[in-house]
N, C-alpha and C. Protein backbone atom coordinates (compact mmCIF):
# COMPACT_ATOMS: atom_id res chain seq x y z
N MET A 1 24.78 82.96 10.15
CA MET A 1 23.33 83.15 10.04
C MET A 1 22.81 82.69 8.75
N GLY A 2 21.77 81.94 8.73
CA GLY A 2 21.18 81.47 7.53
C GLY A 2 19.79 82.09 7.34
N LEU A 3 19.30 82.07 6.11
CA LEU A 3 17.99 82.56 5.81
C LEU A 3 17.16 81.50 5.23
N ALA A 4 16.02 81.30 5.73
CA ALA A 4 15.03 80.34 5.17
C ALA A 4 13.77 81.16 4.81
N SER A 5 13.32 81.06 3.60
CA SER A 5 12.16 81.85 3.24
C SER A 5 10.92 80.94 3.10
N LYS A 6 9.80 81.53 3.42
CA LYS A 6 8.51 80.98 3.12
C LYS A 6 7.92 81.66 1.90
N THR A 7 7.23 80.87 1.10
CA THR A 7 6.69 81.50 -0.12
C THR A 7 5.26 81.96 0.04
N GLN A 8 4.91 82.88 -0.89
CA GLN A 8 3.51 83.35 -0.87
C GLN A 8 2.88 82.84 -2.11
N GLY A 9 1.66 82.56 -1.97
CA GLY A 9 0.91 82.12 -3.17
C GLY A 9 -0.50 81.63 -2.77
N LEU A 10 -1.22 81.14 -3.73
CA LEU A 10 -2.55 80.71 -3.55
C LEU A 10 -2.57 79.26 -4.00
N ASP A 11 -3.01 78.41 -3.09
CA ASP A 11 -3.16 77.03 -3.42
C ASP A 11 -4.48 76.95 -4.19
N SER A 12 -4.45 76.63 -5.45
CA SER A 12 -5.65 76.60 -6.27
C SER A 12 -6.61 75.53 -5.78
N PHE A 13 -6.19 74.45 -5.22
CA PHE A 13 -7.02 73.36 -4.83
C PHE A 13 -7.79 73.68 -3.51
N THR A 14 -7.08 74.23 -2.56
CA THR A 14 -7.76 74.51 -1.26
C THR A 14 -8.12 75.92 -1.07
N GLY A 15 -7.56 76.86 -1.88
CA GLY A 15 -7.79 78.30 -1.72
C GLY A 15 -7.05 78.92 -0.58
N THR A 16 -6.04 78.26 -0.10
CA THR A 16 -5.22 78.74 1.07
C THR A 16 -4.25 79.76 0.54
N VAL A 17 -4.13 80.86 1.28
CA VAL A 17 -3.11 81.90 0.90
C VAL A 17 -1.91 81.72 1.80
N TYR A 18 -0.77 81.69 1.17
CA TYR A 18 0.50 81.60 1.90
C TYR A 18 1.17 82.92 1.97
N LYS A 19 1.81 83.25 3.14
CA LYS A 19 2.46 84.51 3.32
C LYS A 19 4.01 84.33 3.02
N LEU A 20 4.56 85.41 2.64
CA LEU A 20 5.99 85.45 2.31
C LEU A 20 6.75 86.10 3.54
N TYR A 21 7.64 85.35 4.12
CA TYR A 21 8.53 85.87 5.18
C TYR A 21 9.78 85.08 5.27
N ILE A 22 10.77 85.72 5.85
CA ILE A 22 12.12 85.08 5.96
C ILE A 22 12.38 84.79 7.41
N VAL A 23 12.77 83.55 7.67
CA VAL A 23 13.18 83.18 9.01
C VAL A 23 14.69 83.25 9.08
N LYS A 24 15.21 83.88 10.06
CA LYS A 24 16.69 83.97 10.23
C LYS A 24 17.06 82.80 11.18
N THR A 25 18.07 82.09 10.78
CA THR A 25 18.58 80.93 11.51
C THR A 25 19.98 81.18 11.99
N TYR A 26 20.26 80.93 13.24
CA TYR A 26 21.55 81.08 13.84
C TYR A 26 22.01 79.68 14.31
N LYS A 27 23.07 79.16 13.75
CA LYS A 27 23.50 77.83 14.06
C LYS A 27 24.85 77.84 14.66
N ARG A 28 25.24 76.70 15.21
CA ARG A 28 26.54 76.57 15.85
C ARG A 28 27.66 76.94 14.87
N SER A 29 28.63 77.72 15.32
CA SER A 29 29.76 78.10 14.58
C SER A 29 30.69 76.93 14.20
N LEU A 30 31.07 76.88 12.94
CA LEU A 30 32.09 75.81 12.58
C LEU A 30 33.39 75.98 13.30
N PHE A 31 33.75 77.22 13.59
CA PHE A 31 34.97 77.51 14.30
C PHE A 31 34.92 76.92 15.74
N GLU A 32 33.75 77.15 16.40
CA GLU A 32 33.61 76.59 17.78
C GLU A 32 33.54 75.06 17.75
N LEU A 33 32.98 74.42 16.68
CA LEU A 33 33.02 72.99 16.58
C LEU A 33 34.40 72.49 16.35
N GLY A 34 35.12 73.11 15.43
CA GLY A 34 36.56 72.72 15.19
C GLY A 34 37.42 72.85 16.35
N LYS A 35 37.20 74.02 17.13
CA LYS A 35 37.97 74.23 18.39
C LYS A 35 37.75 73.11 19.37
N GLY A 36 36.53 72.64 19.51
CA GLY A 36 36.17 71.59 20.44
C GLY A 36 36.80 70.23 20.04
N ILE A 37 36.87 70.01 18.75
CA ILE A 37 37.49 68.74 18.22
C ILE A 37 38.96 68.73 18.46
N VAL A 38 39.60 69.88 18.20
CA VAL A 38 41.05 70.04 18.44
C VAL A 38 41.36 69.86 19.93
N ILE A 39 40.60 70.52 20.77
CA ILE A 39 40.81 70.37 22.21
C ILE A 39 40.65 68.95 22.68
N ALA A 40 39.72 68.23 22.10
CA ALA A 40 39.53 66.85 22.50
C ALA A 40 40.73 65.98 22.07
N LEU A 41 41.21 66.23 20.93
CA LEU A 41 42.41 65.48 20.44
C LEU A 41 43.67 65.79 21.34
N PHE A 42 43.89 67.04 21.60
CA PHE A 42 45.03 67.41 22.39
C PHE A 42 44.88 66.93 23.90
N THR A 43 43.66 66.93 24.37
CA THR A 43 43.43 66.36 25.70
C THR A 43 43.69 64.89 25.74
N GLY A 44 43.26 64.18 24.69
CA GLY A 44 43.58 62.73 24.60
C GLY A 44 45.04 62.47 24.50
N ALA A 45 45.78 63.30 23.74
CA ALA A 45 47.19 63.11 23.65
C ALA A 45 47.95 63.37 25.00
N ALA A 46 47.43 64.38 25.73
CA ALA A 46 48.05 64.68 27.03
C ALA A 46 47.71 63.57 28.02
N ALA A 47 46.51 63.01 27.94
CA ALA A 47 46.14 61.91 28.82
C ALA A 47 46.97 60.68 28.54
N TYR A 48 47.26 60.46 27.26
CA TYR A 48 48.14 59.31 26.83
C TYR A 48 49.53 59.45 27.46
N ILE A 49 50.09 60.67 27.36
CA ILE A 49 51.42 60.91 27.96
C ILE A 49 51.40 60.72 29.44
N ILE A 50 50.40 61.28 30.11
CA ILE A 50 50.35 61.21 31.53
C ILE A 50 50.15 59.76 32.05
N THR A 51 49.19 59.03 31.36
CA THR A 51 48.98 57.61 31.78
C THR A 51 50.16 56.73 31.45
N GLY A 52 50.90 57.11 30.38
CA GLY A 52 52.12 56.31 30.04
C GLY A 52 53.22 56.52 31.07
N LEU A 53 53.26 57.61 31.74
CA LEU A 53 54.25 57.89 32.78
C LEU A 53 53.99 57.08 34.06
N PHE A 54 52.65 56.88 34.33
CA PHE A 54 52.31 56.26 35.63
C PHE A 54 51.90 54.82 35.53
N THR A 55 51.57 54.31 34.35
CA THR A 55 51.17 52.92 34.24
C THR A 55 51.99 52.21 33.23
N GLY A 56 52.13 50.93 33.38
CA GLY A 56 52.81 50.10 32.40
C GLY A 56 51.86 49.26 31.57
N SER A 57 50.58 49.39 31.89
CA SER A 57 49.56 48.61 31.22
C SER A 57 49.05 49.28 29.91
N ALA A 58 48.98 48.43 28.90
CA ALA A 58 48.50 48.94 27.63
C ALA A 58 47.06 49.30 27.68
N LEU A 59 46.25 48.53 28.57
CA LEU A 59 44.81 48.82 28.71
C LEU A 59 44.61 50.22 29.25
N PHE A 60 45.30 50.57 30.28
CA PHE A 60 45.15 51.90 30.84
C PHE A 60 45.89 52.99 30.00
N GLY A 61 47.04 52.59 29.39
CA GLY A 61 47.78 53.55 28.63
C GLY A 61 47.05 53.99 27.42
N LEU A 62 46.19 53.19 26.79
CA LEU A 62 45.37 53.59 25.65
C LEU A 62 43.91 53.79 26.00
N GLY A 63 43.42 53.01 26.93
CA GLY A 63 42.00 52.98 27.20
C GLY A 63 41.52 54.32 27.78
N ILE A 64 42.23 54.80 28.79
CA ILE A 64 41.81 56.04 29.47
C ILE A 64 41.87 57.25 28.45
N PRO A 65 42.94 57.44 27.75
CA PRO A 65 42.97 58.59 26.76
C PRO A 65 41.88 58.46 25.71
N ILE A 66 41.57 57.29 25.22
CA ILE A 66 40.54 57.10 24.21
C ILE A 66 39.20 57.43 24.81
N LEU A 67 38.92 56.97 26.06
CA LEU A 67 37.67 57.25 26.70
C LEU A 67 37.54 58.81 26.93
N ILE A 68 38.60 59.38 27.32
CA ILE A 68 38.53 60.91 27.60
C ILE A 68 38.26 61.61 26.22
N THR A 69 38.97 61.22 25.18
CA THR A 69 38.76 61.87 23.91
C THR A 69 37.40 61.65 23.34
N LEU A 70 36.86 60.46 23.45
CA LEU A 70 35.48 60.19 22.93
C LEU A 70 34.43 60.93 23.77
N THR A 71 34.63 61.05 25.05
CA THR A 71 33.72 61.82 25.87
C THR A 71 33.67 63.30 25.45
N ILE A 72 34.79 63.85 25.31
CA ILE A 72 34.88 65.27 24.86
C ILE A 72 34.30 65.44 23.52
N LEU A 73 34.62 64.57 22.62
CA LEU A 73 34.05 64.63 21.26
C LEU A 73 32.51 64.54 21.28
N TYR A 74 31.97 63.63 22.06
CA TYR A 74 30.54 63.51 22.21
C TYR A 74 29.89 64.82 22.67
N LEU A 75 30.50 65.33 23.77
CA LEU A 75 30.00 66.58 24.34
C LEU A 75 30.03 67.71 23.33
N THR A 76 31.17 67.79 22.58
CA THR A 76 31.34 68.89 21.58
C THR A 76 30.40 68.73 20.44
N VAL A 77 30.25 67.52 19.88
CA VAL A 77 29.41 67.32 18.67
C VAL A 77 27.98 67.30 18.92
N PHE A 78 27.55 66.59 19.95
CA PHE A 78 26.14 66.37 20.16
C PHE A 78 25.51 67.25 21.21
N SER A 79 26.18 67.55 22.28
CA SER A 79 25.55 68.37 23.38
C SER A 79 25.50 69.75 23.00
N GLU A 80 26.45 70.27 22.18
CA GLU A 80 26.43 71.70 21.77
C GLU A 80 25.78 71.87 20.43
N ASP A 81 24.97 70.94 19.96
CA ASP A 81 24.29 71.08 18.70
C ASP A 81 23.01 71.88 18.90
N ILE A 82 23.15 73.21 18.72
CA ILE A 82 22.02 74.11 19.00
C ILE A 82 21.76 74.97 17.78
N TYR A 83 20.59 75.50 17.67
CA TYR A 83 20.33 76.51 16.69
C TYR A 83 19.05 77.30 17.09
N PHE A 84 18.98 78.49 16.50
CA PHE A 84 17.90 79.41 16.87
C PHE A 84 17.22 79.86 15.59
N GLU A 85 15.89 80.12 15.64
CA GLU A 85 15.21 80.68 14.51
C GLU A 85 14.45 81.95 15.04
N LEU A 86 14.52 82.99 14.20
CA LEU A 86 13.92 84.24 14.55
C LEU A 86 13.02 84.62 13.34
N GLU A 87 11.73 84.70 13.59
CA GLU A 87 10.78 85.11 12.52
C GLU A 87 10.54 86.61 12.55
N PRO A 88 10.12 87.16 11.43
CA PRO A 88 9.84 88.62 11.38
C PRO A 88 8.79 89.13 12.29
N ASP A 89 7.93 88.28 12.77
CA ASP A 89 6.86 88.67 13.73
C ASP A 89 7.36 88.60 15.18
N GLY A 90 8.61 88.29 15.42
CA GLY A 90 9.11 88.22 16.76
C GLY A 90 9.09 86.88 17.45
N LEU A 91 8.74 85.86 16.73
CA LEU A 91 8.66 84.55 17.29
C LEU A 91 10.12 83.93 17.24
N PHE A 92 10.55 83.47 18.44
CA PHE A 92 12.00 83.04 18.61
C PHE A 92 11.90 81.55 19.04
N ARG A 93 12.58 80.70 18.34
CA ARG A 93 12.59 79.28 18.66
C ARG A 93 14.05 78.80 19.03
N TYR A 94 14.14 77.94 20.08
CA TYR A 94 15.41 77.38 20.46
C TYR A 94 15.38 75.89 20.25
N TYR A 95 16.38 75.33 19.50
CA TYR A 95 16.45 73.92 19.19
C TYR A 95 17.76 73.38 19.77
N LYS A 96 17.69 72.18 20.34
CA LYS A 96 18.83 71.46 20.82
C LYS A 96 18.76 70.04 20.26
N ARG A 97 19.88 69.61 19.58
CA ARG A 97 19.92 68.34 18.92
C ARG A 97 18.69 68.17 17.98
N ARG A 98 18.32 69.25 17.26
CA ARG A 98 17.29 69.26 16.30
C ARG A 98 15.88 69.04 16.87
N ILE A 99 15.77 69.19 18.23
CA ILE A 99 14.45 69.09 18.85
C ILE A 99 14.11 70.45 19.40
N LEU A 100 12.84 70.92 19.14
CA LEU A 100 12.38 72.20 19.64
C LEU A 100 12.36 72.18 21.15
N GLN A 101 13.07 73.05 21.82
CA GLN A 101 13.12 73.10 23.23
C GLN A 101 12.21 74.16 23.84
N ASN A 102 12.14 75.33 23.13
CA ASN A 102 11.34 76.44 23.67
C ASN A 102 11.00 77.41 22.62
N THR A 103 9.84 78.05 22.73
CA THR A 103 9.44 79.10 21.83
C THR A 103 9.06 80.35 22.63
N PHE A 104 9.48 81.50 22.13
CA PHE A 104 9.20 82.78 22.86
C PHE A 104 8.61 83.76 21.84
N ASN A 105 7.65 84.52 22.33
CA ASN A 105 7.16 85.71 21.59
C ASN A 105 7.92 86.83 22.16
N LEU A 106 8.94 87.34 21.48
CA LEU A 106 9.83 88.38 21.91
C LEU A 106 9.11 89.68 22.20
N LYS A 107 7.96 89.94 21.71
CA LYS A 107 7.23 91.15 21.95
C LYS A 107 6.82 91.22 23.43
N ASN A 108 6.79 90.07 24.10
CA ASN A 108 6.42 90.05 25.55
C ASN A 108 7.64 89.80 26.44
N CYS A 109 8.80 89.93 25.92
CA CYS A 109 10.02 89.47 26.69
C CYS A 109 11.03 90.65 26.86
N TYR A 110 11.77 90.51 27.93
CA TYR A 110 12.94 91.29 28.20
C TYR A 110 14.14 90.37 27.94
N ILE A 111 15.24 90.79 27.39
CA ILE A 111 16.36 89.99 27.15
C ILE A 111 17.65 90.65 27.75
N THR A 112 18.46 89.80 28.29
CA THR A 112 19.80 90.22 28.76
C THR A 112 20.76 89.02 28.42
N TYR A 113 22.06 89.34 28.56
CA TYR A 113 23.03 88.25 28.46
C TYR A 113 24.19 88.55 29.33
N HIS A 114 24.90 87.46 29.64
CA HIS A 114 26.08 87.52 30.44
C HIS A 114 27.17 86.86 29.65
N ARG A 115 28.29 87.56 29.45
CA ARG A 115 29.38 87.02 28.69
C ARG A 115 30.66 87.02 29.54
N LYS A 116 31.28 85.94 29.62
CA LYS A 116 32.57 85.83 30.30
C LYS A 116 33.57 85.41 29.25
N SER A 117 34.60 86.27 29.07
CA SER A 117 35.67 86.01 28.08
C SER A 117 36.92 85.69 28.81
N GLU A 118 37.59 84.72 28.28
CA GLU A 118 38.90 84.36 28.77
C GLU A 118 39.95 84.44 27.63
N GLY A 119 41.08 84.97 27.96
CA GLY A 119 42.15 85.13 26.95
C GLY A 119 42.77 83.81 26.58
N GLY A 120 43.77 83.83 25.86
CA GLY A 120 44.43 82.59 25.41
C GLY A 120 44.23 82.43 23.92
N PHE A 121 44.77 81.33 23.42
CA PHE A 121 44.60 81.08 22.04
C PHE A 121 43.97 79.71 21.86
N PRO A 122 42.86 79.51 21.31
CA PRO A 122 41.93 80.60 20.91
C PRO A 122 41.13 81.11 22.10
N PRO A 123 40.72 82.31 22.08
CA PRO A 123 39.92 82.85 23.27
C PRO A 123 38.62 82.14 23.37
N THR A 124 38.17 82.02 24.61
CA THR A 124 36.88 81.32 24.90
C THR A 124 35.90 82.32 25.41
N HIS A 125 34.66 82.12 25.09
CA HIS A 125 33.57 82.96 25.51
C HIS A 125 32.41 82.11 26.03
N ASP A 126 31.99 82.32 27.32
CA ASP A 126 30.83 81.69 27.85
C ASP A 126 29.72 82.76 27.72
N ILE A 127 28.71 82.44 26.99
CA ILE A 127 27.62 83.38 26.72
C ILE A 127 26.28 82.74 27.17
N THR A 128 25.61 83.40 28.06
CA THR A 128 24.36 82.95 28.52
C THR A 128 23.31 84.05 28.25
N LEU A 129 22.30 83.67 27.36
CA LEU A 129 21.24 84.56 27.07
C LEU A 129 20.08 84.30 28.01
N THR A 130 19.55 85.32 28.62
CA THR A 130 18.42 85.23 29.52
C THR A 130 17.18 85.90 28.89
N ILE A 131 16.08 85.15 28.86
CA ILE A 131 14.87 85.65 28.29
C ILE A 131 13.78 85.66 29.41
N ALA A 132 13.35 86.81 29.82
CA ALA A 132 12.28 86.99 30.80
C ALA A 132 10.95 87.22 30.06
N ASP A 133 10.10 86.24 30.17
CA ASP A 133 8.77 86.26 29.50
C ASP A 133 7.73 86.87 30.39
N THR A 134 7.27 88.10 30.14
CA THR A 134 6.31 88.71 31.04
C THR A 134 4.91 88.07 30.93
N ALA A 135 4.61 87.47 29.82
CA ALA A 135 3.28 86.88 29.60
C ALA A 135 3.13 85.61 30.42
N GLU A 136 4.25 84.83 30.51
CA GLU A 136 4.17 83.58 31.36
C GLU A 136 4.86 83.72 32.66
N GLY A 137 5.56 84.79 32.91
CA GLY A 137 6.11 85.08 34.23
C GLY A 137 7.34 84.23 34.56
N GLY A 138 8.07 83.66 33.53
CA GLY A 138 9.21 82.88 33.75
C GLY A 138 10.48 83.53 33.16
N GLU A 139 11.61 82.95 33.57
CA GLU A 139 12.86 83.45 33.06
C GLU A 139 13.65 82.18 32.61
N THR A 140 14.26 82.23 31.42
CA THR A 140 14.95 81.13 30.87
C THR A 140 16.40 81.55 30.48
N GLY A 141 17.34 80.72 30.88
CA GLY A 141 18.76 80.99 30.51
C GLY A 141 19.16 79.94 29.39
N LEU A 142 19.78 80.46 28.36
CA LEU A 142 20.18 79.62 27.22
C LEU A 142 21.65 79.78 27.02
N ASP A 143 22.38 78.67 26.88
CA ASP A 143 23.82 78.67 26.62
C ASP A 143 24.02 78.93 25.12
N CYS A 144 24.61 80.07 24.82
CA CYS A 144 24.79 80.49 23.42
C CYS A 144 26.23 80.42 22.99
N ALA A 145 27.16 79.90 23.75
CA ALA A 145 28.61 79.81 23.47
C ALA A 145 28.87 79.16 22.14
N PRO A 146 28.13 78.02 21.80
CA PRO A 146 28.46 77.33 20.53
C PRO A 146 28.18 78.24 19.30
N LEU A 147 27.45 79.30 19.38
CA LEU A 147 27.22 80.21 18.27
C LEU A 147 28.45 80.95 17.90
N GLY A 148 29.28 81.22 18.90
CA GLY A 148 30.38 82.09 18.64
C GLY A 148 29.98 83.53 18.90
N LEU A 149 30.97 84.34 19.23
CA LEU A 149 30.66 85.73 19.62
C LEU A 149 30.08 86.61 18.59
N GLN A 150 30.62 86.52 17.36
CA GLN A 150 30.07 87.35 16.28
C GLN A 150 28.62 87.02 15.96
N GLN A 151 28.33 85.70 15.80
CA GLN A 151 26.97 85.27 15.46
C GLN A 151 26.03 85.62 16.52
N PHE A 152 26.46 85.44 17.83
CA PHE A 152 25.58 85.75 18.95
C PHE A 152 25.23 87.27 18.95
N ASN A 153 26.27 88.10 18.72
CA ASN A 153 25.99 89.55 18.75
C ASN A 153 25.02 89.95 17.60
N GLU A 154 25.12 89.28 16.44
CA GLU A 154 24.19 89.60 15.35
C GLU A 154 22.78 89.16 15.79
N MET A 155 22.63 88.02 16.43
CA MET A 155 21.34 87.50 16.85
C MET A 155 20.74 88.35 17.91
N PHE A 156 21.54 88.79 18.88
CA PHE A 156 21.07 89.60 19.99
C PHE A 156 20.59 90.99 19.44
N ALA A 157 21.33 91.56 18.57
CA ALA A 157 20.94 92.85 17.93
C ALA A 157 19.63 92.73 17.22
N GLU A 158 19.47 91.65 16.51
CA GLU A 158 18.16 91.42 15.81
C GLU A 158 17.01 91.18 16.80
N MET A 159 17.27 90.51 17.91
CA MET A 159 16.22 90.24 18.91
C MET A 159 15.77 91.54 19.54
N GLU A 160 16.74 92.46 19.74
CA GLU A 160 16.31 93.79 20.44
C GLU A 160 15.31 94.46 19.61
N ASN A 161 15.15 94.24 18.39
CA ASN A 161 14.13 94.99 17.60
C ASN A 161 12.70 94.58 18.02
N PHE A 162 12.52 93.42 18.62
CA PHE A 162 11.23 92.94 18.99
C PHE A 162 10.92 93.01 20.51
N THR A 163 11.92 93.06 21.31
CA THR A 163 11.65 92.92 22.72
C THR A 163 11.20 94.21 23.38
N LEU A 164 10.82 94.08 24.63
CA LEU A 164 10.58 95.26 25.52
C LEU A 164 11.89 95.87 25.73
N LYS A 165 11.97 97.15 25.88
CA LYS A 165 13.17 97.92 25.70
C LYS A 165 14.17 98.03 26.90
N ASP A 166 13.87 97.44 28.05
CA ASP A 166 14.83 97.46 29.16
C ASP A 166 15.79 96.34 29.04
N THR A 167 16.82 96.49 28.20
CA THR A 167 17.83 95.41 28.01
C THR A 167 19.03 95.77 28.84
N ALA A 168 19.72 94.73 29.32
CA ALA A 168 20.95 94.97 30.10
C ALA A 168 21.93 93.94 29.66
N VAL A 169 23.23 94.22 29.69
CA VAL A 169 24.29 93.33 29.34
C VAL A 169 25.28 93.30 30.49
N LEU A 170 25.56 92.13 30.98
CA LEU A 170 26.59 91.94 32.01
C LEU A 170 27.78 91.29 31.32
N SER A 171 28.94 91.88 31.38
CA SER A 171 30.10 91.38 30.72
C SER A 171 31.25 91.30 31.70
N ALA A 172 31.84 90.10 31.73
CA ALA A 172 32.99 89.85 32.67
C ALA A 172 34.06 89.12 31.84
N GLY A 173 35.32 89.51 32.15
CA GLY A 173 36.41 88.80 31.53
C GLY A 173 37.71 88.95 32.34
N THR A 174 38.72 88.16 31.99
CA THR A 174 39.97 88.21 32.73
C THR A 174 40.68 89.54 32.47
N ASN A 175 40.47 90.14 31.39
CA ASN A 175 41.21 91.42 31.04
C ASN A 175 40.34 92.65 31.26
N SER A 176 39.04 92.45 31.16
CA SER A 176 38.17 93.72 31.20
C SER A 176 37.59 93.96 32.55
N GLY A 177 37.73 93.03 33.49
CA GLY A 177 37.06 93.32 34.79
C GLY A 177 35.61 93.05 34.62
N LEU A 178 34.76 93.73 35.39
CA LEU A 178 33.34 93.56 35.34
C LEU A 178 32.69 94.82 35.00
N SER A 179 31.81 94.84 34.05
CA SER A 179 31.13 96.08 33.66
C SER A 179 29.72 95.80 33.27
N ILE A 180 28.85 96.79 33.42
CA ILE A 180 27.49 96.72 33.05
C ILE A 180 27.28 97.68 31.95
N MET A 181 26.74 97.23 30.82
CA MET A 181 26.57 98.12 29.69
C MET A 181 25.06 98.53 29.64
């Protein structure tokens, strides 16, 4: 979580008053990024071994693993490039690839999330945040897995301070079964 502050002061030229507030920023976890890169490299190595067993061609023996590795790296680095901003007045912004995708006034929203955890090393978590906007009558699902579990939990706890109070959590995992909190 990062903090970006806005300053307060008076612009002597225009007479504009600036307010002081802190915007909380939640960005993609470096651990999740590193995990994706390692998975891409291991997948490429496995594809190299498999293609080497079945083909005698250097084009297929190197071309297919390189293509697979580059595809997974692209998906990891660029497609999962997300971050969220939460302002003290309850304004919540979602960015993907540094482009604003959606803005929510959390005072008019209900929030829930669904988390699916799978064991293994390292463990993986699929986290989907659902924001139901009562003012606009829509529901939006956001993939929050790139944040990592700890950072997502911090963001969700902070969001609960602003939202309407009927929150629900649906959690499923290979070890825990299915439970509603």
